Amino acid sequence: MPVTLTITWEGVLLSVLAIAGICLLVYLIILLKKLIGTLQEVDKILADAKVISAVAADKAQKVDGLIDGAADTVGTVVNAIKGNQSMVSAATNFVNATSSFANIMKKTEPKQRKKKTNK
């Protein structure tokens, strides 16, 4: 008894489409599995970023307060210097006069020693 097998183009095309569909389904399953793993990692990163941004915001508020305090202090010092400008000028003149006198004394001491040794 001879067995006859008939293959049609329609059957071949349907078989190829079925195999391609199965391969596509397997590929989509693998892709979804990787996507779920990636989303879990992104969730962890975002949770960590939320904590870090909260800490950074807290530190920024503290630094802002310190800068405001430093600006107030500098402003107070500047105002005090402006108000006491004559006192600052007097102190500066006194320091300059003292240093000039000290320089003059240093220059005259070696000359006196040289004169004494030459006699």
N, C-alpha and C. Protein backbone atom coordinates (compact mmCIF):
# COMPACT_ATOMS: atom_id res chain seq x y z
N MET A 1 0.78 -1.15 0.00
CA MET A 1 0.00 0.00 0.00
C MET A 1 0.86 1.26 0.00
N PRO A 2 0.79 1.94 -1.01
CA PRO A 2 1.54 3.17 -1.08
C PRO A 2 0.82 4.30 -0.32
N VAL A 3 1.60 5.08 0.40
CA VAL A 3 1.07 6.22 1.17
C VAL A 3 1.41 7.48 0.39
N THR A 4 0.42 8.26 0.21
CA THR A 4 0.62 9.49 -0.54
C THR A 4 0.51 10.67 0.45
N LEU A 5 1.50 11.50 0.38
CA LEU A 5 1.54 12.68 1.25
C LEU A 5 1.48 13.90 0.35
N THR A 6 0.51 14.72 0.57
CA THR A 6 0.33 15.89 -0.27
C THR A 6 0.70 17.14 0.55
N ILE A 7 1.63 17.89 0.02
CA ILE A 7 2.06 19.14 0.67
C ILE A 7 1.63 20.28 -0.23
N THR A 8 0.90 21.21 0.39
CA THR A 8 0.46 22.37 -0.39
C THR A 8 1.21 23.60 0.09
N TRP A 9 1.23 24.62 -0.74
CA TRP A 9 1.88 25.87 -0.36
C TRP A 9 1.18 26.52 0.84
N GLU A 10 -0.09 26.34 0.89
CA GLU A 10 -0.85 26.88 2.00
C GLU A 10 -0.46 26.21 3.31
N GLY A 11 -0.25 24.92 3.29
CA GLY A 11 0.16 24.17 4.48
C GLY A 11 1.55 24.57 4.93
N VAL A 12 2.47 24.72 3.96
CA VAL A 12 3.84 25.13 4.29
C VAL A 12 3.84 26.52 4.91
N LEU A 13 3.07 27.41 4.30
CA LEU A 13 3.01 28.78 4.81
C LEU A 13 2.42 28.81 6.21
N LEU A 14 1.38 28.06 6.48
CA LEU A 14 0.79 28.02 7.81
C LEU A 14 1.75 27.41 8.83
N SER A 15 2.50 26.39 8.41
CA SER A 15 3.48 25.77 9.32
C SER A 15 4.59 26.76 9.68
N VAL A 16 5.09 27.50 8.68
CA VAL A 16 6.15 28.49 8.93
C VAL A 16 5.63 29.60 9.83
N LEU A 17 4.40 30.04 9.58
CA LEU A 17 3.82 31.07 10.44
C LEU A 17 3.61 30.58 11.87
N ALA A 18 3.24 29.32 12.04
CA ALA A 18 3.05 28.76 13.38
C ALA A 18 4.38 28.70 14.12
N ILE A 19 5.44 28.27 13.43
CA ILE A 19 6.77 28.19 14.06
C ILE A 19 7.27 29.60 14.40
N ALA A 20 7.08 30.56 13.50
CA ALA A 20 7.49 31.94 13.76
C ALA A 20 6.71 32.52 14.93
N GLY A 21 5.43 32.19 15.02
CA GLY A 21 4.60 32.67 16.13
C GLY A 21 5.07 32.11 17.46
N ILE A 22 5.44 30.84 17.47
CA ILE A 22 5.95 30.22 18.70
C ILE A 22 7.27 30.86 19.11
N CYS A 23 8.17 31.08 18.14
CA CYS A 23 9.46 31.73 18.43
C CYS A 23 9.24 33.15 18.95
N LEU A 24 8.32 33.88 18.35
CA LEU A 24 8.02 35.24 18.79
C LEU A 24 7.45 35.23 20.20
N LEU A 25 6.60 34.28 20.51
CA LEU A 25 6.03 34.17 21.84
C LEU A 25 7.11 33.89 22.89
N VAL A 26 8.05 32.99 22.58
CA VAL A 26 9.16 32.68 23.49
C VAL A 26 10.02 33.93 23.69
N TYR A 27 10.31 34.65 22.58
CA TYR A 27 11.11 35.87 22.66
C TYR A 27 10.41 36.91 23.53
N LEU A 28 9.10 37.09 23.38
CA LEU A 28 8.37 38.05 24.19
C LEU A 28 8.36 37.67 25.67
N ILE A 29 8.27 36.38 25.95
CA ILE A 29 8.31 35.93 27.35
C ILE A 29 9.66 36.27 27.98
N ILE A 30 10.76 36.00 27.25
CA ILE A 30 12.10 36.31 27.75
C ILE A 30 12.26 37.82 27.93
N LEU A 31 11.76 38.58 26.97
CA LEU A 31 11.85 40.03 27.04
C LEU A 31 11.09 40.57 28.24
N LEU A 32 9.91 40.07 28.51
CA LEU A 32 9.12 40.50 29.66
C LEU A 32 9.81 40.14 30.97
N LYS A 33 10.46 38.97 31.01
CA LYS A 33 11.17 38.57 32.21
C LYS A 33 12.31 39.55 32.50
N LYS A 34 13.07 39.92 31.46
CA LYS A 34 14.15 40.88 31.65
C LYS A 34 13.61 42.26 32.01
N LEU A 35 12.49 42.65 31.42
CA LEU A 35 11.89 43.93 31.71
C LEU A 35 11.44 44.03 33.16
N ILE A 36 10.88 42.94 33.69
CA ILE A 36 10.46 42.92 35.09
C ILE A 36 11.67 43.08 36.01
N GLY A 37 12.78 42.38 35.70
CA GLY A 37 14.01 42.51 36.50
C GLY A 37 14.55 43.93 36.45
N THR A 38 14.51 44.54 35.27
CA THR A 38 15.00 45.91 35.12
C THR A 38 14.13 46.88 35.90
N LEU A 39 12.82 46.70 35.85
CA LEU A 39 11.92 47.58 36.60
C LEU A 39 12.13 47.45 38.10
N GLN A 40 12.44 46.25 38.57
CA GLN A 40 12.71 46.08 40.00
C GLN A 40 13.98 46.84 40.39
N GLU A 41 15.02 46.79 39.54
CA GLU A 41 16.26 47.53 39.82
C GLU A 41 16.01 49.03 39.79
N VAL A 42 15.21 49.49 38.84
CA VAL A 42 14.88 50.91 38.75
C VAL A 42 14.12 51.35 40.00
N ASP A 43 13.24 50.51 40.50
CA ASP A 43 12.50 50.83 41.71
C ASP A 43 13.44 50.98 42.89
N LYS A 44 14.43 50.10 43.00
CA LYS A 44 15.41 50.21 44.09
C LYS A 44 16.21 51.49 43.96
N ILE A 45 16.63 51.82 42.75
CA ILE A 45 17.43 53.04 42.52
C ILE A 45 16.61 54.28 42.86
N LEU A 46 15.35 54.30 42.45
CA LEU A 46 14.50 55.45 42.74
C LEU A 46 14.25 55.61 44.24
N ALA A 47 14.11 54.50 44.94
CA ALA A 47 13.92 54.57 46.39
C ALA A 47 15.17 55.15 47.04
N ASP A 48 16.35 54.72 46.58
CA ASP A 48 17.61 55.25 47.11
C ASP A 48 17.76 56.73 46.77
N ALA A 49 17.38 57.10 45.55
CA ALA A 49 17.47 58.51 45.14
C ALA A 49 16.54 59.38 45.97
N LYS A 50 15.40 58.84 46.35
CA LYS A 50 14.46 59.59 47.18
C LYS A 50 15.08 59.88 48.55
N VAL A 51 15.74 58.88 49.12
CA VAL A 51 16.40 59.07 50.42
C VAL A 51 17.53 60.09 50.29
N ILE A 52 18.32 59.95 49.24
CA ILE A 52 19.46 60.85 49.05
C ILE A 52 18.99 62.28 48.82
N SER A 53 17.94 62.45 48.04
CA SER A 53 17.45 63.81 47.79
C SER A 53 16.87 64.42 49.05
N ALA A 54 16.27 63.61 49.90
CA ALA A 54 15.76 64.14 51.18
C ALA A 54 16.91 64.61 52.06
N VAL A 55 17.99 63.83 52.11
CA VAL A 55 19.16 64.22 52.90
C VAL A 55 19.79 65.48 52.32
N ALA A 56 19.91 65.54 50.99
CA ALA A 56 20.50 66.72 50.34
C ALA A 56 19.65 67.96 50.60
N ALA A 57 18.34 67.82 50.55
CA ALA A 57 17.46 68.96 50.81
C ALA A 57 17.62 69.45 52.25
N ASP A 58 17.75 68.52 53.19
CA ASP A 58 17.94 68.89 54.59
C ASP A 58 19.26 69.63 54.78
N LYS A 59 20.33 69.11 54.18
CA LYS A 59 21.64 69.76 54.29
C LYS A 59 21.62 71.13 53.61
N ALA A 60 20.92 71.24 52.49
CA ALA A 60 20.85 72.52 51.79
C ALA A 60 20.15 73.56 52.65
N GLN A 61 19.11 73.17 53.37
CA GLN A 61 18.42 74.11 54.26
C GLN A 61 19.34 74.54 55.40
N LYS A 62 20.12 73.61 55.94
CA LYS A 62 21.05 73.96 57.01
C LYS A 62 22.12 74.91 56.50
N VAL A 63 22.67 74.61 55.32
CA VAL A 63 23.71 75.48 54.74
C VAL A 63 23.13 76.85 54.43
N ASP A 64 21.91 76.90 53.96
CA ASP A 64 21.26 78.18 53.68
C ASP A 64 21.16 79.01 54.95
N GLY A 65 20.81 78.36 56.05
CA GLY A 65 20.75 79.07 57.33
C GLY A 65 22.11 79.58 57.76
N LEU A 66 23.16 78.77 57.56
CA LEU A 66 24.51 79.19 57.91
C LEU A 66 24.95 80.38 57.06
N ILE A 67 24.63 80.34 55.78
CA ILE A 67 25.02 81.43 54.89
C ILE A 67 24.30 82.71 55.28
N ASP A 68 23.02 82.60 55.62
CA ASP A 68 22.29 83.78 56.07
C ASP A 68 22.91 84.37 57.34
N GLY A 69 23.28 83.49 58.27
CA GLY A 69 23.93 83.96 59.50
C GLY A 69 25.27 84.62 59.23
N ALA A 70 26.06 84.02 58.32
CA ALA A 70 27.36 84.60 57.98
C ALA A 70 27.20 85.95 57.30
N ALA A 71 26.21 86.07 56.43
CA ALA A 71 25.96 87.34 55.75
C ALA A 71 25.56 88.41 56.75
N ASP A 72 24.73 88.05 57.72
CA ASP A 72 24.34 89.01 58.75
C ASP A 72 25.55 89.45 59.57
N THR A 73 26.42 88.51 59.91
CA THR A 73 27.61 88.82 60.69
C THR A 73 28.53 89.75 59.93
N VAL A 74 28.76 89.45 58.65
CA VAL A 74 29.63 90.30 57.83
C VAL A 74 29.03 91.69 57.71
N GLY A 75 27.71 91.76 57.52
CA GLY A 75 27.05 93.05 57.44
C GLY A 75 27.23 93.85 58.73
N THR A 76 27.13 93.18 59.87
CA THR A 76 27.31 93.85 61.15
C THR A 76 28.73 94.36 61.30
N VAL A 77 29.71 93.55 60.90
CA VAL A 77 31.12 93.96 61.00
C VAL A 77 31.37 95.15 60.08
N VAL A 78 30.84 95.11 58.86
CA VAL A 78 31.03 96.22 57.92
C VAL A 78 30.42 97.49 58.48
N ASN A 79 29.22 97.39 59.03
CA ASN A 79 28.58 98.57 59.61
C ASN A 79 29.37 99.10 60.80
N ALA A 80 29.93 98.21 61.61
CA ALA A 80 30.72 98.64 62.75
C ALA A 80 31.98 99.35 62.29
N ILE A 81 32.60 98.83 61.23
CA ILE A 81 33.81 99.46 60.71
C ILE A 81 33.48 100.83 60.11
N LYS A 82 32.38 100.92 59.41
CA LYS A 82 31.98 102.20 58.83
C LYS A 82 31.68 103.22 59.94
N GLY A 83 31.06 102.77 60.99
CA GLY A 83 30.72 103.67 62.09
C GLY A 83 31.95 104.11 62.86
N ASN A 84 32.96 103.26 62.94
CA ASN A 84 34.18 103.57 63.70
C ASN A 84 35.35 103.79 62.76
N GLN A 85 35.13 104.48 61.68
CA GLN A 85 36.17 104.64 60.69
C GLN A 85 37.32 105.48 61.25
N SER A 86 37.04 106.47 62.03
CA SER A 86 38.10 107.31 62.57
C SER A 86 38.96 106.52 63.55
N MET A 87 38.32 105.62 64.32
CA MET A 87 39.07 104.81 65.26
C MET A 87 39.99 103.84 64.51
N VAL A 88 39.46 103.26 63.43
CA VAL A 88 40.27 102.34 62.63
C VAL A 88 41.43 103.09 61.98
N SER A 89 41.17 104.29 61.50
CA SER A 89 42.23 105.11 60.89
C SER A 89 43.31 105.45 61.91
N ALA A 90 42.90 105.79 63.11
CA ALA A 90 43.85 106.12 64.17
C ALA A 90 44.70 104.90 64.52
N ALA A 91 44.08 103.75 64.62
CA ALA A 91 44.83 102.54 64.94
C ALA A 91 45.80 102.20 63.81
N THR A 92 45.38 102.38 62.57
CA THR A 92 46.25 102.10 61.43
C THR A 92 47.44 103.05 61.42
N ASN A 93 47.19 104.31 61.68
CA ASN A 93 48.28 105.29 61.72
C ASN A 93 49.26 104.99 62.84
N PHE A 94 48.75 104.57 63.98
CA PHE A 94 49.63 104.22 65.10
C PHE A 94 50.53 103.03 64.75
N VAL A 95 49.93 102.02 64.12
CA VAL A 95 50.71 100.84 63.72
C VAL A 95 51.76 101.22 62.69
N ASN A 96 51.38 102.04 61.72
CA ASN A 96 52.34 102.48 60.70
C ASN A 96 53.47 103.29 61.32
N ALA A 97 53.15 104.17 62.25
CA ALA A 97 54.18 104.98 62.90
C ALA A 97 55.12 104.11 63.71
N THR A 98 54.57 103.14 64.43
CA THR A 98 55.40 102.24 65.23
C THR A 98 56.34 101.44 64.35
N SER A 99 55.83 100.92 63.23
CA SER A 99 56.69 100.13 62.36
C SER A 99 57.75 101.01 61.70
N SER A 100 57.43 102.23 61.37
CA SER A 100 58.43 103.14 60.78
C SER A 100 59.52 103.45 61.80
N PHE A 101 59.14 103.71 63.04
CA PHE A 101 60.12 103.97 64.09
C PHE A 101 61.01 102.75 64.30
N ALA A 102 60.42 101.57 64.28
CA ALA A 102 61.21 100.35 64.46
C ALA A 102 62.18 100.17 63.31
N ASN A 103 61.77 100.48 62.09
CA ASN A 103 62.68 100.38 60.94
C ASN A 103 63.83 101.38 61.04
N ILE A 104 63.52 102.59 61.51
CA ILE A 104 64.58 103.60 61.66
C ILE A 104 65.58 103.15 62.70
N MET A 105 65.12 102.60 63.79
CA MET A 105 66.01 102.14 64.85
C MET A 105 66.88 100.98 64.38
N LYS A 106 66.33 100.12 63.56
CA LYS A 106 67.13 99.00 63.05
C LYS A 106 68.22 99.48 62.11
N LYS A 107 67.93 100.50 61.33
CA LYS A 107 68.93 101.02 60.38
C LYS A 107 70.05 101.76 61.09
N THR A 108 69.78 102.42 62.19
CA THR A 108 70.81 103.20 62.88
C THR A 108 71.68 102.35 63.77
N GLU A 109 71.21 101.23 64.28
CA GLU A 109 72.02 100.40 65.17
C GLU A 109 73.26 99.84 64.50
N PRO A 110 73.25 99.30 63.30
CA PRO A 110 74.48 98.79 62.70
C PRO A 110 75.51 99.88 62.45
N LYS A 111 75.10 101.10 62.12
CA LYS A 111 76.05 102.19 61.89
C LYS A 111 76.79 102.54 63.16
N GLN A 112 76.09 102.57 64.28
CA GLN A 112 76.72 102.91 65.55
C GLN A 112 77.72 101.85 65.95
N ARG A 113 77.43 100.59 65.68
CA ARG A 113 78.35 99.50 66.03
C ARG A 113 79.61 99.57 65.18
N LYS A 114 79.43 99.89 63.89
CA LYS A 114 80.59 99.99 63.02
C LYS A 114 81.52 101.12 63.45
N LYS A 115 80.96 102.23 63.87
CA LYS A 115 81.76 103.37 64.31
C LYS A 115 82.54 103.03 65.55
N LYS A 116 81.96 102.29 66.48
CA LYS A 116 82.63 101.94 67.71
C LYS A 116 83.78 100.98 67.45
N THR A 117 83.63 100.04 66.49
CA THR A 117 84.69 99.09 66.23
C THR A 117 85.82 99.71 65.46
N ASN A 118 85.56 100.73 64.66
CA ASN A 118 86.62 101.37 63.88
C ASN A 118 87.51 102.25 64.78
N LYS A 119 87.06 102.77 65.86
CA LYS A 119 87.87 103.63 66.74
C LYS A 119 88.80 102.83 67.51
